[in-house]
Amino acid sequence: TFQLFPISRWESFRYTILPSFALGLGSIATITRLMRSSMLDVISQDY
């Protein structure tokens, strides 16, 4: 009867996985694009 990924409430670590991923995916997209473009700019520098 153990539920691997609970879909509601805020109790143990298992309850935090799905909402944390849902809230953080948009930020992942922003950071990924920004880090990629910034890295490409740095890689082409003379130093």
ModelCIF file with pLDDT and N, C-alpha, C, O atoms, coordinates in Angstrom:
data_MODEL
#
_entry.id   MODEL 
#
_entity.id                         1 
_entity.type                       polymer 
_entity.pdbx_number_of_molecules   1 
#
_entity_poly.entity_id                      1 
_entity_poly.type                           'polypeptide(L)' 
_entity_poly.nstd_linkage                   no 
_entity_poly.nstd_monomer                   no 
_entity_poly.pdbx_seq_one_letter_code       TFQLFPISRWESFRYTILPSFALGLGSIATITRLMRSSMLDVISQDY 
_entity_poly.pdbx_seq_one_letter_code_can   TFQLFPISRWESFRYTILPSFALGLGSIATITRLMRSSMLDVISQDY 
_entity_poly.pdbx_strand_id                 A 
#
loop_
_entity_poly_seq.entity_id 
_entity_poly_seq.num 
_entity_poly_seq.mon_id 
_entity_poly_seq.hetero 
1 1  THR n 
1 2  PHE n 
1 3  GLN n 
1 4  LEU n 
1 5  PHE n 
1 6  PRO n 
1 7  ILE n 
1 8  SER n 
1 9  ARG n 
1 10 TRP n 
1 11 GLU n 
1 12 SER n 
1 13 PHE n 
1 14 ARG n 
1 15 TYR n 
1 16 THR n 
1 17 ILE n 
1 18 LEU n 
1 19 PRO n 
1 20 SER n 
1 21 PHE n 
1 22 ALA n 
1 23 LEU n 
1 24 GLY n 
1 25 LEU n 
1 26 GLY n 
1 27 SER n 
1 28 ILE n 
1 29 ALA n 
1 30 THR n 
1 31 ILE n 
1 32 THR n 
1 33 ARG n 
1 34 LEU n 
1 35 MET n 
1 36 ARG n 
1 37 SER n 
1 38 SER n 
1 39 MET n 
1 40 LEU n 
1 41 ASP n 
1 42 VAL n 
1 43 ILE n 
1 44 SER n 
1 45 GLN n 
1 46 ASP n 
1 47 TYR n 
#
_struct_asym.id          A 
_struct_asym.entity_id   1 
#
loop_
_ma_qa_metric.id 
_ma_qa_metric.mode 
_ma_qa_metric.name 
_ma_qa_metric.software_group_id 
_ma_qa_metric.type 
1 global pLDDT . pLDDT 
2 local  pLDDT . pLDDT 
#
_ma_qa_metric_global.metric_id      1 
_ma_qa_metric_global.metric_value   85.68 
_ma_qa_metric_global.model_id       1 
_ma_qa_metric_global.ordinal_id     1 
#
loop_
_ma_qa_metric_local.label_asym_id 
_ma_qa_metric_local.label_comp_id 
_ma_qa_metric_local.label_seq_id 
_ma_qa_metric_local.metric_id 
_ma_qa_metric_local.metric_value 
_ma_qa_metric_local.model_id 
_ma_qa_metric_local.ordinal_id 
A THR 1  2 76.00 1 1  
A PHE 2  2 76.00 1 2  
A GLN 3  2 76.00 1 3  
A LEU 4  2 77.00 1 4  
A PHE 5  2 82.00 1 5  
A PRO 6  2 84.00 1 6  
A ILE 7  2 83.00 1 7  
A SER 8  2 82.00 1 8  
A ARG 9  2 81.00 1 9  
A TRP 10 2 85.00 1 10 
A GLU 11 2 82.00 1 11 
A SER 12 2 82.00 1 12 
A PHE 13 2 86.00 1 13 
A ARG 14 2 85.00 1 14 
A TYR 15 2 87.00 1 15 
A THR 16 2 88.00 1 16 
A ILE 17 2 88.00 1 17 
A LEU 18 2 89.00 1 18 
A PRO 19 2 90.00 1 19 
A SER 20 2 89.00 1 20 
A PHE 21 2 89.00 1 21 
A ALA 22 2 88.00 1 22 
A LEU 23 2 88.00 1 23 
A GLY 24 2 88.00 1 24 
A LEU 25 2 87.00 1 25 
A GLY 26 2 85.00 1 26 
A SER 27 2 88.00 1 27 
A ILE 28 2 89.00 1 28 
A ALA 29 2 88.00 1 29 
A THR 30 2 89.00 1 30 
A ILE 31 2 91.00 1 31 
A THR 32 2 91.00 1 32 
A ARG 33 2 89.00 1 33 
A LEU 34 2 90.00 1 34 
A MET 35 2 90.00 1 35 
A ARG 36 2 90.00 1 36 
A SER 37 2 90.00 1 37 
A SER 38 2 89.00 1 38 
A MET 39 2 89.00 1 39 
A LEU 40 2 88.00 1 40 
A ASP 41 2 88.00 1 41 
A VAL 42 2 86.00 1 42 
A ILE 43 2 85.00 1 43 
A SER 44 2 82.00 1 44 
A GLN 45 2 81.00 1 45 
A ASP 46 2 81.00 1 46 
A TYR 47 2 80.00 1 47 
#
loop_
_atom_site.group_PDB 
_atom_site.id 
_atom_site.type_symbol 
_atom_site.label_atom_id 
_atom_site.label_alt_id 
_atom_site.label_comp_id 
_atom_site.label_asym_id 
_atom_site.label_entity_id 
_atom_site.label_seq_id 
_atom_site.pdbx_PDB_ins_code 
_atom_site.Cartn_x 
_atom_site.Cartn_y 
_atom_site.Cartn_z 
_atom_site.occupancy 
_atom_site.B_iso_or_equiv 
_atom_site.pdbx_formal_charge 
_atom_site.auth_seq_id 
_atom_site.auth_comp_id 
_atom_site.auth_asym_id 
_atom_site.auth_atom_id 
_atom_site.pdbx_PDB_model_num 
ATOM 1   N N  . THR A 1 1  ? 0.826  -1.215 0.000   1.00 76.00 ? 1  THR A N  1 
ATOM 2   C CA . THR A 1 1  ? 0.000  0.000  0.000   1.00 76.00 ? 1  THR A CA 1 
ATOM 3   C C  . THR A 1 1  ? 0.860  1.266  0.000   1.00 76.00 ? 1  THR A C  1 
ATOM 4   O O  . THR A 1 1  ? 0.337  2.379  0.051   1.00 76.00 ? 1  THR A O  1 
ATOM 5   N N  . PHE A 1 2  ? 2.163  1.089  -0.057  1.00 76.00 ? 2  PHE A N  1 
ATOM 6   C CA . PHE A 1 2  ? 3.086  2.219  -0.047  1.00 76.00 ? 2  PHE A CA 1 
ATOM 7   C C  . PHE A 1 2  ? 2.966  3.005  -1.348  1.00 76.00 ? 2  PHE A C  1 
ATOM 8   O O  . PHE A 1 2  ? 3.072  2.429  -2.431  1.00 76.00 ? 2  PHE A O  1 
ATOM 9   N N  . GLN A 1 3  ? 2.742  4.340  -1.250  1.00 76.00 ? 3  GLN A N  1 
ATOM 10  C CA . GLN A 1 3  ? 2.633  5.186  -2.428  1.00 76.00 ? 3  GLN A CA 1 
ATOM 11  C C  . GLN A 1 3  ? 3.979  5.837  -2.702  1.00 76.00 ? 3  GLN A C  1 
ATOM 12  O O  . GLN A 1 3  ? 4.509  6.577  -1.873  1.00 76.00 ? 3  GLN A O  1 
ATOM 13  N N  . LEU A 1 4  ? 4.525  5.548  -3.886  1.00 77.00 ? 4  LEU A N  1 
ATOM 14  C CA . LEU A 1 4  ? 5.869  5.997  -4.213  1.00 77.00 ? 4  LEU A CA 1 
ATOM 15  C C  . LEU A 1 4  ? 5.947  7.520  -4.308  1.00 77.00 ? 4  LEU A C  1 
ATOM 16  O O  . LEU A 1 4  ? 6.863  8.127  -3.752  1.00 77.00 ? 4  LEU A O  1 
ATOM 17  N N  . PHE A 1 5  ? 5.002  8.138  -5.000  1.00 82.00 ? 5  PHE A N  1 
ATOM 18  C CA . PHE A 1 5  ? 4.971  9.586  -5.166  1.00 82.00 ? 5  PHE A CA 1 
ATOM 19  C C  . PHE A 1 5  ? 3.601  10.104 -4.754  1.00 82.00 ? 5  PHE A C  1 
ATOM 20  O O  . PHE A 1 5  ? 2.679  10.103 -5.570  1.00 82.00 ? 5  PHE A O  1 
ATOM 21  N N  . PRO A 1 6  ? 3.442  10.549 -3.502  1.00 84.00 ? 6  PRO A N  1 
ATOM 22  C CA . PRO A 1 6  ? 2.156  11.110 -3.064  1.00 84.00 ? 6  PRO A CA 1 
ATOM 23  C C  . PRO A 1 6  ? 1.803  12.364 -3.856  1.00 84.00 ? 6  PRO A C  1 
ATOM 24  O O  . PRO A 1 6  ? 2.682  13.136 -4.240  1.00 84.00 ? 6  PRO A O  1 
ATOM 25  N N  . ILE A 1 7  ? 0.514  12.555 -4.094  1.00 83.00 ? 7  ILE A N  1 
ATOM 26  C CA . ILE A 1 7  ? 0.073  13.669 -4.943  1.00 83.00 ? 7  ILE A CA 1 
ATOM 27  C C  . ILE A 1 7  ? -0.477 14.847 -4.139  1.00 83.00 ? 7  ILE A C  1 
ATOM 28  O O  . ILE A 1 7  ? -0.871 15.850 -4.733  1.00 83.00 ? 7  ILE A O  1 
ATOM 29  N N  . SER A 1 8  ? -0.515 14.760 -2.831  1.00 82.00 ? 8  SER A N  1 
ATOM 30  C CA . SER A 1 8  ? -1.016 15.881 -2.032  1.00 82.00 ? 8  SER A CA 1 
ATOM 31  C C  . SER A 1 8  ? -0.420 15.824 -0.632  1.00 82.00 ? 8  SER A C  1 
ATOM 32  O O  . SER A 1 8  ? 0.148  14.818 -0.206  1.00 82.00 ? 8  SER A O  1 
ATOM 33  N N  . ARG A 1 9  ? -0.573 16.950 0.067   1.00 81.00 ? 9  ARG A N  1 
ATOM 34  C CA . ARG A 1 9  ? -0.072 17.180 1.427   1.00 81.00 ? 9  ARG A CA 1 
ATOM 35  C C  . ARG A 1 9  ? 1.442  17.430 1.433   1.00 81.00 ? 9  ARG A C  1 
ATOM 36  O O  . ARG A 1 9  ? 2.121  17.317 0.412   1.00 81.00 ? 9  ARG A O  1 
ATOM 37  N N  . TRP A 1 10 ? 1.941  17.775 2.633   1.00 85.00 ? 10 TRP A N  1 
ATOM 38  C CA . TRP A 1 10 ? 3.342  18.171 2.787   1.00 85.00 ? 10 TRP A CA 1 
ATOM 39  C C  . TRP A 1 10 ? 3.865  17.544 4.071   1.00 85.00 ? 10 TRP A C  1 
ATOM 40  O O  . TRP A 1 10 ? 3.783  18.140 5.145   1.00 85.00 ? 10 TRP A O  1 
ATOM 41  N N  . GLU A 1 11 ? 4.399  16.343 3.949   1.00 82.00 ? 11 GLU A N  1 
ATOM 42  C CA . GLU A 1 11 ? 4.837  15.611 5.137   1.00 82.00 ? 11 GLU A CA 1 
ATOM 43  C C  . GLU A 1 11 ? 6.297  15.210 5.021   1.00 82.00 ? 11 GLU A C  1 
ATOM 44  O O  . GLU A 1 11 ? 7.173  15.976 5.422   1.00 82.00 ? 11 GLU A O  1 
ATOM 45  N N  . SER A 1 12 ? 6.580  14.036 4.486   1.00 82.00 ? 12 SER A N  1 
ATOM 46  C CA . SER A 1 12 ? 7.963  13.568 4.397   1.00 82.00 ? 12 SER A CA 1 
ATOM 47  C C  . SER A 1 12 ? 8.578  13.983 3.055   1.00 82.00 ? 12 SER A C  1 
ATOM 48  O O  . SER A 1 12 ? 7.967  14.706 2.269   1.00 82.00 ? 12 SER A O  1 
ATOM 49  N N  . PHE A 1 13 ? 9.803  13.506 2.819   1.00 86.00 ? 13 PHE A N  1 
ATOM 50  C CA . PHE A 1 13 ? 10.529 13.884 1.603   1.00 86.00 ? 13 PHE A CA 1 
ATOM 51  C C  . PHE A 1 13 ? 9.786  13.451 0.343   1.00 86.00 ? 13 PHE A C  1 
ATOM 52  O O  . PHE A 1 13 ? 9.822  14.156 -0.666  1.00 86.00 ? 13 PHE A O  1 
ATOM 53  N N  . ARG A 1 14 ? 9.119  12.308 0.386   1.00 85.00 ? 14 ARG A N  1 
ATOM 54  C CA . ARG A 1 14 ? 8.400  11.820 -0.796  1.00 85.00 ? 14 ARG A CA 1 
ATOM 55  C C  . ARG A 1 14 ? 7.347  12.812 -1.274  1.00 85.00 ? 14 ARG A C  1 
ATOM 56  O O  . ARG A 1 14 ? 7.078  12.911 -2.471  1.00 85.00 ? 14 ARG A O  1 
ATOM 57  N N  . TYR A 1 15 ? 6.751  13.550 -0.334  1.00 87.00 ? 15 TYR A N  1 
ATOM 58  C CA . TYR A 1 15 ? 5.698  14.499 -0.686  1.00 87.00 ? 15 TYR A CA 1 
ATOM 59  C C  . TYR A 1 15 ? 6.245  15.749 -1.382  1.00 87.00 ? 15 TYR A C  1 
ATOM 60  O O  . TYR A 1 15 ? 5.485  16.498 -1.997  1.00 87.00 ? 15 TYR A O  1 
ATOM 61  N N  . THR A 1 16 ? 7.539  15.974 -1.289  1.00 88.00 ? 16 THR A N  1 
ATOM 62  C CA . THR A 1 16 ? 8.128  17.192 -1.840  1.00 88.00 ? 16 THR A CA 1 
ATOM 63  C C  . THR A 1 16 ? 8.654  17.028 -3.260  1.00 88.00 ? 16 THR A C  1 
ATOM 64  O O  . THR A 1 16 ? 8.963  18.022 -3.917  1.00 88.00 ? 16 THR A O  1 
ATOM 65  N N  . ILE A 1 17 ? 8.762  15.792 -3.747  1.00 88.00 ? 17 ILE A N  1 
ATOM 66  C CA . ILE A 1 17 ? 9.428  15.556 -5.034  1.00 88.00 ? 17 ILE A CA 1 
ATOM 67  C C  . ILE A 1 17 ? 8.638  16.155 -6.193  1.00 88.00 ? 17 ILE A C  1 
ATOM 68  O O  . ILE A 1 17 ? 9.178  16.944 -6.968  1.00 88.00 ? 17 ILE A O  1 
ATOM 69  N N  . LEU A 1 18 ? 7.374  15.789 -6.318  1.00 89.00 ? 18 LEU A N  1 
ATOM 70  C CA . LEU A 1 18 ? 6.572  16.249 -7.456  1.00 89.00 ? 18 LEU A CA 1 
ATOM 71  C C  . LEU A 1 18 ? 6.354  17.762 -7.449  1.00 89.00 ? 18 LEU A C  1 
ATOM 72  O O  . LEU A 1 18 ? 6.574  18.394 -8.483  1.00 89.00 ? 18 LEU A O  1 
ATOM 73  N N  . PRO A 1 19 ? 5.930  18.382 -6.332  1.00 90.00 ? 19 PRO A N  1 
ATOM 74  C CA . PRO A 1 19 ? 5.751  19.840 -6.379  1.00 90.00 ? 19 PRO A CA 1 
ATOM 75  C C  . PRO A 1 19 ? 7.049  20.607 -6.600  1.00 90.00 ? 19 PRO A C  1 
ATOM 76  O O  . PRO A 1 19 ? 7.037  21.655 -7.245  1.00 90.00 ? 19 PRO A O  1 
ATOM 77  N N  . SER A 1 20 ? 8.162  20.111 -6.081  1.00 89.00 ? 20 SER A N  1 
ATOM 78  C CA . SER A 1 20 ? 9.440  20.786 -6.296  1.00 89.00 ? 20 SER A CA 1 
ATOM 79  C C  . SER A 1 20 ? 9.838  20.745 -7.762  1.00 89.00 ? 20 SER A C  1 
ATOM 80  O O  . SER A 1 20 ? 10.330 21.735 -8.304  1.00 89.00 ? 20 SER A O  1 
ATOM 81  N N  . PHE A 1 21 ? 9.628  19.607 -8.404  1.00 89.00 ? 21 PHE A N  1 
ATOM 82  C CA . PHE A 1 21 ? 9.957  19.499 -9.821  1.00 89.00 ? 21 PHE A CA 1 
ATOM 83  C C  . PHE A 1 21 ? 9.027  20.377 -10.654 1.00 89.00 ? 21 PHE A C  1 
ATOM 84  O O  . PHE A 1 21 ? 9.476  21.042 -11.588 1.00 89.00 ? 21 PHE A O  1 
ATOM 85  N N  . ALA A 1 22 ? 7.725  20.384 -10.322 1.00 88.00 ? 22 ALA A N  1 
ATOM 86  C CA . ALA A 1 22 ? 6.771  21.195 -11.069 1.00 88.00 ? 22 ALA A CA 1 
ATOM 87  C C  . ALA A 1 22 ? 7.080  22.682 -10.939 1.00 88.00 ? 22 ALA A C  1 
ATOM 88  O O  . ALA A 1 22 ? 6.931  23.434 -11.902 1.00 88.00 ? 22 ALA A O  1 
ATOM 89  N N  . LEU A 1 23 ? 7.505  23.105 -9.765  1.00 88.00 ? 23 LEU A N  1 
ATOM 90  C CA . LEU A 1 23 ? 7.820  24.518 -9.540  1.00 88.00 ? 23 LEU A CA 1 
ATOM 91  C C  . LEU A 1 23 ? 9.162  24.903 -10.138 1.00 88.00 ? 23 LEU A C  1 
ATOM 92  O O  . LEU A 1 23 ? 9.347  26.050 -10.546 1.00 88.00 ? 23 LEU A O  1 
ATOM 93  N N  . GLY A 1 24 ? 10.098 23.971 -10.197 1.00 88.00 ? 24 GLY A N  1 
ATOM 94  C CA . GLY A 1 24 ? 11.450 24.300 -10.626 1.00 88.00 ? 24 GLY A CA 1 
ATOM 95  C C  . GLY A 1 24 ? 11.731 24.136 -12.098 1.00 88.00 ? 24 GLY A C  1 
ATOM 96  O O  . GLY A 1 24 ? 12.759 24.615 -12.576 1.00 88.00 ? 24 GLY A O  1 
ATOM 97  N N  . LEU A 1 25 ? 10.837 23.462 -12.855 1.00 87.00 ? 25 LEU A N  1 
ATOM 98  C CA . LEU A 1 25 ? 11.146 23.196 -14.257 1.00 87.00 ? 25 LEU A CA 1 
ATOM 99  C C  . LEU A 1 25 ? 11.251 24.479 -15.072 1.00 87.00 ? 25 LEU A C  1 
ATOM 100 O O  . LEU A 1 25 ? 12.124 24.591 -15.932 1.00 87.00 ? 25 LEU A O  1 
ATOM 101 N N  . GLY A 1 26 ? 10.381 25.443 -14.819 1.00 85.00 ? 26 GLY A N  1 
ATOM 102 C CA . GLY A 1 26 ? 10.481 26.711 -15.539 1.00 85.00 ? 26 GLY A CA 1 
ATOM 103 C C  . GLY A 1 26 ? 11.794 27.423 -15.269 1.00 85.00 ? 26 GLY A C  1 
ATOM 104 O O  . GLY A 1 26 ? 12.370 28.032 -16.170 1.00 85.00 ? 26 GLY A O  1 
ATOM 105 N N  . SER A 1 27 ? 12.271 27.350 -14.030 1.00 88.00 ? 27 SER A N  1 
ATOM 106 C CA . SER A 1 27 ? 13.553 27.967 -13.690 1.00 88.00 ? 27 SER A CA 1 
ATOM 107 C C  . SER A 1 27 ? 14.717 27.215 -14.327 1.00 88.00 ? 27 SER A C  1 
ATOM 108 O O  . SER A 1 27 ? 15.715 27.822 -14.715 1.00 88.00 ? 27 SER A O  1 
ATOM 109 N N  . ILE A 1 28 ? 14.587 25.890 -14.435 1.00 89.00 ? 28 ILE A N  1 
ATOM 110 C CA . ILE A 1 28 ? 15.616 25.096 -15.125 1.00 89.00 ? 28 ILE A CA 1 
ATOM 111 C C  . ILE A 1 28 ? 15.771 25.580 -16.556 1.00 89.00 ? 28 ILE A C  1 
ATOM 112 O O  . ILE A 1 28 ? 16.887 25.747 -17.048 1.00 89.00 ? 28 ILE A O  1 
ATOM 113 N N  . ALA A 1 29 ? 14.652 25.802 -17.216 1.00 88.00 ? 29 ALA A N  1 
ATOM 114 C CA . ALA A 1 29 ? 14.686 26.255 -18.609 1.00 88.00 ? 29 ALA A CA 1 
ATOM 115 C C  . ALA A 1 29 ? 15.392 27.595 -18.740 1.00 88.00 ? 29 ALA A C  1 
ATOM 116 O O  . ALA A 1 29 ? 16.215 27.781 -19.636 1.00 88.00 ? 29 ALA A O  1 
ATOM 117 N N  . THR A 1 30 ? 15.074 28.529 -17.850 1.00 89.00 ? 30 THR A N  1 
ATOM 118 C CA . THR A 1 30 ? 15.698 29.858 -17.903 1.00 89.00 ? 30 THR A CA 1 
ATOM 119 C C  . THR A 1 30 ? 17.197 29.782 -17.640 1.00 89.00 ? 30 THR A C  1 
ATOM 120 O O  . THR A 1 30 ? 17.991 30.372 -18.374 1.00 89.00 ? 30 THR A O  1 
ATOM 121 N N  . ILE A 1 31 ? 17.582 29.057 -16.595 1.00 91.00 ? 31 ILE A N  1 
ATOM 122 C CA . ILE A 1 31 ? 19.004 28.957 -16.241 1.00 91.00 ? 31 ILE A CA 1 
ATOM 123 C C  . ILE A 1 31 ? 19.784 28.225 -17.328 1.00 91.00 ? 31 ILE A C  1 
ATOM 124 O O  . ILE A 1 31 ? 20.909 28.613 -17.645 1.00 91.00 ? 31 ILE A O  1 
ATOM 125 N N  . THR A 1 32 ? 19.206 27.176 -17.901 1.00 91.00 ? 32 THR A N  1 
ATOM 126 C CA . THR A 1 32 ? 19.881 26.421 -18.958 1.00 91.00 ? 32 THR A CA 1 
ATOM 127 C C  . THR A 1 32 ? 20.170 27.299 -20.164 1.00 91.00 ? 32 THR A C  1 
ATOM 128 O O  . THR A 1 32 ? 21.294 27.313 -20.667 1.00 91.00 ? 32 THR A O  1 
ATOM 129 N N  . ARG A 1 33 ? 19.182 28.019 -20.625 1.00 89.00 ? 33 ARG A N  1 
ATOM 130 C CA . ARG A 1 33 ? 19.375 28.890 -21.800 1.00 89.00 ? 33 ARG A CA 1 
ATOM 131 C C  . ARG A 1 33 ? 20.392 29.987 -21.509 1.00 89.00 ? 33 ARG A C  1 
ATOM 132 O O  . ARG A 1 33 ? 21.246 30.284 -22.345 1.00 89.00 ? 33 ARG A O  1 
ATOM 133 N N  . LEU A 1 34 ? 20.301 30.586 -20.332 1.00 90.00 ? 34 LEU A N  1 
ATOM 134 C CA . LEU A 1 34 ? 21.223 31.667 -19.986 1.00 90.00 ? 34 LEU A CA 1 
ATOM 135 C C  . LEU A 1 34 ? 22.646 31.149 -19.830 1.00 90.00 ? 34 LEU A C  1 
ATOM 136 O O  . LEU A 1 34 ? 23.591 31.774 -20.310 1.00 90.00 ? 34 LEU A O  1 
ATOM 137 N N  . MET A 1 35 ? 22.803 30.010 -19.160 1.00 90.00 ? 35 MET A N  1 
ATOM 138 C CA . MET A 1 35 ? 24.134 29.451 -18.961 1.00 90.00 ? 35 MET A CA 1 
ATOM 139 C C  . MET A 1 35 ? 24.745 29.019 -20.289 1.00 90.00 ? 35 MET A C  1 
ATOM 140 O O  . MET A 1 35 ? 25.944 29.192 -20.507 1.00 90.00 ? 35 MET A O  1 
ATOM 141 N N  . ARG A 1 36 ? 23.946 28.472 -21.156 1.00 90.00 ? 36 ARG A N  1 
ATOM 142 C CA . ARG A 1 36 ? 24.440 28.037 -22.477 1.00 90.00 ? 36 ARG A CA 1 
ATOM 143 C C  . ARG A 1 36 ? 24.954 29.222 -23.278 1.00 90.00 ? 36 ARG A C  1 
ATOM 144 O O  . ARG A 1 36 ? 26.071 29.181 -23.795 1.00 90.00 ? 36 ARG A O  1 
ATOM 145 N N  . SER A 1 37 ? 24.155 30.278 -23.387 1.00 90.00 ? 37 SER A N  1 
ATOM 146 C CA . SER A 1 37 ? 24.568 31.441 -24.178 1.00 90.00 ? 37 SER A CA 1 
ATOM 147 C C  . SER A 1 37 ? 25.767 32.144 -23.547 1.00 90.00 ? 37 SER A C  1 
ATOM 148 O O  . SER A 1 37 ? 26.654 32.621 -24.255 1.00 90.00 ? 37 SER A O  1 
ATOM 149 N N  . SER A 1 38 ? 25.793 32.209 -22.207 1.00 89.00 ? 38 SER A N  1 
ATOM 150 C CA . SER A 1 38 ? 26.926 32.840 -21.533 1.00 89.00 ? 38 SER A CA 1 
ATOM 151 C C  . SER A 1 38 ? 28.209 32.028 -21.714 1.00 89.00 ? 38 SER A C  1 
ATOM 152 O O  . SER A 1 38 ? 29.283 32.596 -21.915 1.00 89.00 ? 38 SER A O  1 
ATOM 153 N N  . MET A 1 39 ? 28.097 30.706 -21.643 1.00 89.00 ? 39 MET A N  1 
ATOM 154 C CA . MET A 1 39 ? 29.263 29.846 -21.854 1.00 89.00 ? 39 MET A CA 1 
ATOM 155 C C  . MET A 1 39 ? 29.795 29.971 -23.275 1.00 89.00 ? 39 MET A C  1 
ATOM 156 O O  . MET A 1 39 ? 31.008 30.036 -23.477 1.00 89.00 ? 39 MET A O  1 
ATOM 157 N N  . LEU A 1 40 ? 28.910 30.005 -24.256 1.00 88.00 ? 40 LEU A N  1 
ATOM 158 C CA . LEU A 1 40 ? 29.345 30.136 -25.646 1.00 88.00 ? 40 LEU A CA 1 
ATOM 159 C C  . LEU A 1 40 ? 30.072 31.459 -25.869 1.00 88.00 ? 40 LEU A C  1 
ATOM 160 O O  . LEU A 1 40 ? 31.023 31.529 -26.648 1.00 88.00 ? 40 LEU A O  1 
ATOM 161 N N  . ASP A 1 41 ? 29.619 32.506 -25.183 1.00 88.00 ? 41 ASP A N  1 
ATOM 162 C CA . ASP A 1 41 ? 30.287 33.800 -25.311 1.00 88.00 ? 41 ASP A CA 1 
ATOM 163 C C  . ASP A 1 41 ? 31.667 33.775 -24.666 1.00 88.00 ? 41 ASP A C  1 
ATOM 164 O O  . ASP A 1 41 ? 32.618 34.334 -25.212 1.00 88.00 ? 41 ASP A O  1 
ATOM 165 N N  . VAL A 1 42 ? 31.782 33.125 -23.503 1.00 86.00 ? 42 VAL A N  1 
ATOM 166 C CA . VAL A 1 42 ? 33.063 33.066 -22.798 1.00 86.00 ? 42 VAL A CA 1 
ATOM 167 C C  . VAL A 1 42 ? 34.062 32.201 -23.558 1.00 86.00 ? 42 VAL A C  1 
ATOM 168 O O  . VAL A 1 42 ? 35.243 32.537 -23.646 1.00 86.00 ? 42 VAL A O  1 
ATOM 169 N N  . ILE A 1 43 ? 33.585 31.091 -24.105 1.00 85.00 ? 43 ILE A N  1 
ATOM 170 C CA . ILE A 1 43 ? 34.479 30.169 -24.816 1.00 85.00 ? 43 ILE A CA 1 
ATOM 171 C C  . ILE A 1 43 ? 35.194 30.857 -25.977 1.00 85.00 ? 43 ILE A C  1 
ATOM 172 O O  . ILE A 1 43 ? 36.334 30.517 -26.293 1.00 85.00 ? 43 ILE A O  1 
ATOM 173 N N  . SER A 1 44 ? 34.536 31.812 -26.604 1.00 82.00 ? 44 SER A N  1 
ATOM 174 C CA . SER A 1 44 ? 35.128 32.483 -27.770 1.00 82.00 ? 44 SER A CA 1 
ATOM 175 C C  . SER A 1 44 ? 36.067 33.632 -27.405 1.00 82.00 ? 44 SER A C  1 
ATOM 176 O O  . SER A 1 44 ? 36.619 34.281 -28.294 1.00 82.00 ? 44 SER A O  1 
ATOM 177 N N  . GLN A 1 45 ? 36.257 33.895 -26.103 1.00 81.00 ? 45 GLN A N  1 
ATOM 178 C CA . GLN A 1 45 ? 37.111 35.007 -25.695 1.00 81.00 ? 45 GLN A CA 1 
ATOM 179 C C  . GLN A 1 45 ? 38.597 34.673 -25.903 1.00 81.00 ? 45 GLN A C  1 
ATOM 180 O O  . GLN A 1 45 ? 38.991 33.507 -25.930 1.00 81.00 ? 45 GLN A O  1 
ATOM 181 N N  . ASP A 1 46 ? 39.399 35.721 -26.047 1.00 81.00 ? 46 ASP A N  1 
ATOM 182 C CA . ASP A 1 46 ? 40.828 35.544 -26.329 1.00 81.00 ? 46 ASP A CA 1 
ATOM 183 C C  . ASP A 1 46 ? 41.572 34.922 -25.157 1.00 81.00 ? 46 ASP A C  1 
ATOM 184 O O  . ASP A 1 46 ? 42.505 34.147 -25.364 1.00 81.00 ? 46 ASP A O  1 
ATOM 185 N N  . TYR A 1 47 ? 41.171 35.252 -23.912 1.00 80.00 ? 47 TYR A N  1 
ATOM 186 C CA . TYR A 1 47 ? 41.928 34.715 -22.774 1.00 80.00 ? 47 TYR A CA 1 
ATOM 187 C C  . TYR A 1 47 ? 41.739 33.210 -22.623 1.00 80.00 ? 47 TYR A C  1 
ATOM 188 O O  . TYR A 1 47 ? 42.307 32.604 -21.715 1.00 80.00 ? 47 TYR A O  1 
#
